[in-house]
Amino acid sequence: MAADPHPQRQDPAHGDDRPALIRVRGLVNRFGRQTVHDGLDLDVYEGEIIGVVGGSGSGKSVLMRSLIGLRRPDAGQIEVLGVDPRSDDPADRLHLERSTGVLFQDGALFSSLTVGENVEVPLKEHHPGLPDSLRYELALLKVRLAGLPADALDKLPSQLSGGMRKRAALARALALDPPLLFLDEPTAGLDPIGAAAFDRLIRTLQQALGLTVFLITHDLDTLYTICDRVAVLADRKVVAAAPLEEIERHDHPWIRDYFHGPRGRAAARVAASATEES
């Protein structure tokens, strides 16, 4: 078997080699006659926030669903934390479920459960022997980590604002202390102030907890504010995966239109101004 040409990445910003927690090679996803991914390759490295962008229909959410085992690809190889997410081995499935947290675009909270009960769901599933009092305290800790007040614990999702529901869903994603977090459009539907606050929260948690974050977004401010690298989906592949300064120099037409249009230029100016002030 040929040696893997990309087993690790030398990261100048960190000064060390970091392993790829996610490795995708030759991924193919089809829906009938429509091919969404055709030979897609991607690495996600330990400790980074990678932003995944692409036009409508480029398969960003399909990629995430393939990575977390909710969709079986038509071809290709996927490895997440050393495990094939398509594995039928119960031990492999358990490892992935305990080691990954997912925030879906709509939050996917159980509407009939309180926020605290939502956060307790994975704790009950994977640690059924925990005393009720300890499970409650752990749920409270996650809720507060997500930036919600303690009294949110006893509220139903319908009693929360959109931003608070996002944070509640994030608290549930963090319930099992996973090293790998998947976020699908986490700032979608939030006003600019709420989106900026959520971005800061993600970066703070990533740094404090040592998380690796796979983040799907359309939000240019998110890309410029918190992402270490950006992966661009186009032409049914990842056409570029690099830090933003390299992405901006790429000559692919979609990348040029996306990053050098009026919104892209505005986001870049804001990011540059924030860097100067810091």
Protein backbone atom coordinates (compact mmCIF):
# COMPACT_ATOMS: atom_id res chain seq x y z
CA MET A 1 0.00 0.00 0.00
CA ALA A 2 1.33 3.44 -0.91
CA ALA A 3 2.24 5.77 1.92
CA ASP A 4 -0.26 8.49 2.76
CA PRO A 5 1.05 11.70 1.12
CA HIS A 6 -0.62 13.92 3.72
CA PRO A 7 -0.41 12.14 7.09
CA GLN A 8 0.30 15.35 9.00
CA ARG A 9 0.57 19.04 8.44
CA GLN A 10 3.35 21.34 9.52
CA ASP A 11 1.58 24.35 10.98
CA PRO A 12 3.88 27.36 11.27
CA ALA A 13 1.46 29.11 13.62
CA HIS A 14 1.69 26.26 16.12
CA GLY A 15 5.23 25.12 15.42
CA ASP A 16 4.39 21.44 15.48
CA ASP A 17 2.93 18.64 13.43
CA ARG A 18 -0.78 18.11 13.99
CA PRO A 19 -2.58 14.95 12.95
CA ALA A 20 -5.59 14.97 10.66
CA LEU A 21 -8.65 14.09 12.75
CA ILE A 22 -10.73 13.89 9.56
CA ARG A 23 -9.39 12.39 6.32
CA VAL A 24 -11.50 12.18 3.18
CA ARG A 25 -10.22 10.64 -0.05
CA GLY A 26 -12.08 10.25 -3.33
CA LEU A 27 -15.53 10.91 -1.86
CA VAL A 28 -18.47 10.43 -4.22
CA ASN A 29 -22.06 11.33 -3.33
CA ARG A 30 -24.90 10.94 -5.82
CA PHE A 31 -28.63 11.55 -5.71
CA GLY A 32 -30.06 9.68 -8.65
CA ARG A 33 -28.35 11.08 -11.74
CA GLN A 34 -27.03 14.11 -9.89
CA THR A 35 -23.45 13.85 -8.66
CA VAL A 36 -22.82 16.21 -5.74
CA HIS A 37 -19.26 15.12 -4.90
CA ASP A 38 -16.89 13.45 -7.32
CA GLY A 39 -13.44 12.58 -5.99
CA LEU A 40 -13.51 15.00 -3.04
CA ASP A 41 -10.43 15.07 -0.78
CA LEU A 42 -10.13 16.92 2.54
CA ASP A 43 -8.09 16.88 5.74
CA VAL A 44 -9.16 18.55 8.98
CA TYR A 45 -6.34 19.02 11.47
CA GLU A 46 -6.37 18.77 15.22
CA GLY A 47 -7.05 22.03 17.02
CA GLU A 48 -8.22 24.08 14.04
CA ILE A 49 -11.45 25.76 13.07
CA ILE A 50 -12.03 25.05 9.40
CA GLY A 51 -14.78 26.95 7.60
CA VAL A 52 -16.48 25.10 4.75
CA VAL A 53 -18.02 27.29 2.04
CA GLY A 54 -19.53 26.78 -1.39
CA GLY A 55 -22.45 27.78 -3.55
CA SER A 56 -25.96 26.41 -3.20
CA GLY A 57 -25.99 22.76 -4.19
CA SER A 58 -22.25 22.29 -3.66
CA GLY A 59 -22.96 19.67 -0.99
CA LYS A 60 -21.69 21.26 2.22
CA SER A 61 -24.33 19.65 4.44
CA VAL A 62 -24.12 16.40 2.46
CA LEU A 63 -20.40 16.32 3.26
CA MET A 64 -21.06 16.85 6.95
CA ARG A 65 -23.72 14.16 7.01
CA SER A 66 -21.26 11.77 5.37
CA LEU A 67 -18.65 12.59 8.00
CA ILE A 68 -20.96 11.96 10.94
CA GLY A 69 -22.37 8.75 9.48
CA LEU A 70 -25.87 9.96 8.58
CA ARG A 71 -25.27 9.34 4.88
CA ARG A 72 -23.46 6.44 3.23
CA PRO A 73 -21.39 7.77 0.31
CA ASP A 74 -21.40 6.07 -3.07
CA ALA A 75 -17.60 5.76 -3.10
CA GLY A 76 -14.46 6.96 -1.38
CA GLN A 77 -12.81 6.67 2.00
CA ILE A 78 -13.60 8.59 5.19
CA GLU A 79 -11.79 8.45 8.50
CA VAL A 80 -13.00 10.44 11.50
CA LEU A 81 -10.95 10.12 14.69
CA GLY A 82 -9.46 6.94 13.29
CA VAL A 83 -12.85 5.35 12.55
CA ASP A 84 -14.84 4.85 9.37
CA PRO A 85 -18.22 6.50 10.10
CA ARG A 86 -19.87 3.83 7.91
CA SER A 87 -18.63 1.09 10.21
CA ASP A 88 -21.21 -1.37 11.51
CA ASP A 89 -19.01 -2.19 14.51
CA PRO A 90 -20.88 -1.05 17.66
CA ALA A 91 -17.59 -0.05 19.31
CA ASP A 92 -16.74 2.24 16.38
CA ARG A 93 -20.19 3.81 16.42
CA LEU A 94 -19.99 4.37 20.17
CA HIS A 95 -16.55 5.95 19.83
CA LEU A 96 -17.81 8.44 17.24
CA GLU A 97 -21.00 9.26 19.11
CA ARG A 98 -19.07 10.02 22.29
CA SER A 99 -16.28 11.94 20.56
CA THR A 100 -18.25 14.24 18.25
CA GLY A 101 -20.78 16.96 18.92
CA VAL A 102 -23.16 18.26 16.25
CA LEU A 103 -25.08 21.52 15.97
CA PHE A 104 -27.55 21.32 13.10
CA GLN A 105 -28.68 24.45 11.30
CA ASP A 106 -32.12 24.50 12.93
CA GLY A 107 -30.80 23.41 16.33
CA ALA A 108 -32.83 20.15 16.24
CA LEU A 109 -33.87 20.51 19.87
CA PHE A 110 -36.68 18.34 21.21
CA SER A 111 -39.55 20.80 21.47
CA SER A 112 -41.31 18.93 24.29
CA LEU A 113 -38.20 18.88 26.51
CA THR A 114 -36.72 21.72 28.50
CA VAL A 115 -33.27 23.00 27.63
CA GLY A 116 -31.82 21.06 30.54
CA GLU A 117 -33.57 17.87 29.49
CA ASN A 118 -32.29 18.35 25.93
CA VAL A 119 -28.72 18.63 27.20
CA GLU A 120 -29.22 15.57 29.40
CA VAL A 121 -30.29 13.35 26.48
CA PRO A 122 -26.74 12.31 25.45
CA LEU A 123 -25.74 11.98 29.11
CA LYS A 124 -28.61 9.58 29.75
CA GLU A 125 -27.78 7.61 26.61
CA HIS A 126 -24.06 7.22 27.19
CA HIS A 127 -23.81 7.46 31.00
CA PRO A 128 -27.06 5.90 32.25
CA GLY A 129 -25.60 5.28 35.71
CA LEU A 130 -25.11 8.96 36.54
CA PRO A 131 -27.15 10.15 39.52
CA ASP A 132 -29.89 12.61 38.58
CA SER A 133 -28.28 15.37 40.63
CA LEU A 134 -24.92 15.00 38.89
CA ARG A 135 -26.55 14.88 35.47
CA TYR A 136 -28.41 18.09 36.31
CA GLU A 137 -25.19 19.79 37.41
CA LEU A 138 -23.42 18.72 34.22
CA ALA A 139 -26.29 20.06 32.12
CA LEU A 140 -26.14 23.35 34.01
CA LEU A 141 -22.39 23.56 33.40
CA LYS A 142 -22.84 23.06 29.64
CA VAL A 143 -25.65 25.60 29.47
CA ARG A 144 -23.49 28.20 31.17
CA LEU A 145 -20.51 27.30 28.99
CA ALA A 146 -22.74 28.07 26.01
CA GLY A 147 -23.41 31.52 27.41
CA LEU A 148 -26.95 30.99 28.69
CA PRO A 149 -28.21 32.01 32.13
CA ALA A 150 -28.96 29.27 34.64
CA ASP A 151 -32.72 29.88 34.43
CA ALA A 152 -32.69 28.84 30.76
CA LEU A 153 -32.28 25.27 31.97
CA ASP A 154 -35.98 24.95 32.81
CA LYS A 155 -37.36 26.69 29.71
CA LEU A 156 -38.75 25.06 26.60
CA PRO A 157 -37.07 25.85 23.26
CA SER A 158 -40.19 27.78 22.21
CA GLN A 159 -39.60 30.18 25.10
CA LEU A 160 -36.14 31.14 23.82
CA SER A 161 -34.99 33.57 21.17
CA GLY A 162 -33.30 32.22 18.04
CA GLY A 163 -29.87 33.02 19.40
CA MET A 164 -30.60 31.35 22.72
CA ARG A 165 -31.84 28.22 20.94
CA LYS A 166 -28.55 28.08 19.04
CA ARG A 167 -26.70 28.26 22.34
CA ALA A 168 -28.91 25.57 23.86
CA ALA A 169 -28.17 23.30 20.90
CA LEU A 170 -24.47 24.06 21.34
CA ALA A 171 -24.71 23.10 25.02
CA ARG A 172 -26.17 19.73 24.01
CA ALA A 173 -23.40 19.26 21.43
CA LEU A 174 -20.86 19.80 24.21
CA ALA A 175 -22.59 17.48 26.69
CA LEU A 176 -20.10 14.59 26.34
CA ASP A 177 -16.97 16.80 26.13
CA PRO A 178 -16.23 15.82 22.52
CA PRO A 179 -12.89 16.78 20.97
CA LEU A 180 -14.52 17.30 17.55
CA LEU A 181 -17.42 19.65 16.89
CA PHE A 182 -19.55 19.93 13.72
CA LEU A 183 -21.48 23.17 13.21
CA ASP A 184 -23.90 23.66 10.31
CA GLU A 185 -24.59 27.36 9.65
CA PRO A 186 -24.36 28.30 13.36
CA THR A 187 -25.02 32.02 12.77
CA ALA A 188 -27.82 31.60 10.20
CA GLY A 189 -30.87 33.66 11.19
CA LEU A 190 -29.02 35.71 13.80
CA ASP A 191 -28.73 39.48 13.68
CA PRO A 192 -25.18 40.86 13.20
CA ILE A 193 -24.65 41.48 16.92
CA GLY A 194 -25.88 38.01 17.86
CA ALA A 195 -23.80 36.41 15.10
CA ALA A 196 -20.64 38.21 16.25
CA ALA A 197 -21.27 37.12 19.84
CA PHE A 198 -21.74 33.51 18.72
CA ASP A 199 -18.50 33.66 16.72
CA ARG A 200 -16.63 34.88 19.81
CA LEU A 201 -18.18 32.09 21.86
CA ILE A 202 -17.04 29.43 19.40
CA ARG A 203 -13.48 30.75 19.34
CA THR A 204 -13.38 31.01 23.15
CA LEU A 205 -14.65 27.45 23.60
CA GLN A 206 -12.30 26.13 20.93
CA GLN A 207 -9.30 27.65 22.69
CA ALA A 208 -10.39 26.77 26.22
CA LEU A 209 -11.41 23.18 25.47
CA GLY A 210 -8.92 22.36 22.71
CA LEU A 211 -11.68 21.63 20.21
CA THR A 212 -11.38 20.88 16.53
CA VAL A 213 -14.27 22.55 14.69
CA PHE A 214 -15.75 21.74 11.27
CA LEU A 215 -17.92 24.74 10.49
CA ILE A 216 -20.24 25.17 7.51
CA THR A 217 -21.10 28.81 6.91
CA HIS A 218 -22.12 31.47 4.42
CA ASP A 219 -21.10 34.19 6.86
CA LEU A 220 -18.03 36.03 5.60
CA ASP A 221 -17.57 37.69 8.99
CA THR A 222 -17.33 34.24 10.60
CA LEU A 223 -14.68 33.17 8.09
CA TYR A 224 -12.56 36.26 8.69
CA THR A 225 -13.07 36.33 12.46
CA ILE A 226 -12.54 32.77 13.71
CA CYS A 227 -11.53 30.34 10.95
CA ASP A 228 -7.93 29.12 10.74
CA ARG A 229 -8.49 27.66 7.27
CA VAL A 230 -11.23 27.71 4.67
CA ALA A 231 -12.24 24.78 2.44
CA VAL A 232 -14.06 25.79 -0.74
CA LEU A 233 -16.47 23.33 -2.39
CA ALA A 234 -16.94 23.84 -6.13
CA ASP A 235 -16.96 21.66 -9.23
CA ARG A 236 -17.97 18.71 -6.99
CA LYS A 237 -14.63 18.84 -5.15
CA VAL A 238 -12.68 20.84 -2.58
CA VAL A 239 -10.95 23.23 -4.98
CA ALA A 240 -8.94 24.92 -2.21
CA ALA A 241 -8.28 24.42 1.50
CA ALA A 242 -5.95 26.99 3.03
CA PRO A 243 -5.73 30.05 5.29
CA LEU A 244 -7.82 32.98 4.08
CA GLU A 245 -4.90 34.98 2.76
CA GLU A 246 -4.14 32.12 0.36
CA ILE A 247 -7.78 31.59 -0.55
CA GLU A 248 -8.10 35.26 -1.48
CA ARG A 249 -5.32 34.84 -4.04
CA HIS A 250 -6.93 31.80 -5.68
CA ASP A 251 -8.04 32.28 -9.29
CA HIS A 252 -11.12 30.04 -9.25
CA PRO A 253 -14.11 32.10 -10.55
CA TRP A 254 -16.41 31.26 -7.61
CA ILE A 255 -13.71 32.17 -5.09
CA ARG A 256 -13.06 35.47 -6.84
CA ASP A 257 -16.74 36.34 -6.89
CA TYR A 258 -17.31 35.30 -3.28
CA PHE A 259 -14.29 36.85 -1.60
CA HIS A 260 -13.76 39.88 -3.81
CA GLY A 261 -17.34 41.04 -4.16
CA PRO A 262 -18.66 43.95 -2.05
CA ARG A 263 -19.49 41.82 0.99
CA GLY A 264 -16.18 40.00 0.88
CA ARG A 265 -14.23 43.25 0.71
CA ALA A 266 -16.26 44.70 3.57
CA ALA A 267 -15.66 41.64 5.77
CA ALA A 268 -11.94 41.77 5.00
CA ARG A 269 -11.77 45.46 5.96
CA VAL A 270 -13.56 44.83 9.25
CA ALA A 271 -11.25 41.91 10.06
CA ALA A 272 -8.16 43.97 9.25
CA SER A 273 -9.40 46.83 11.42
CA ALA A 274 -10.06 44.48 14.34
CA THR A 275 -6.58 43.00 14.00
CA GLU A 276 -4.99 46.46 14.08
CA GLU A 277 -6.97 47.47 17.18
CA SER A 278 -5.96 44.29 19.01
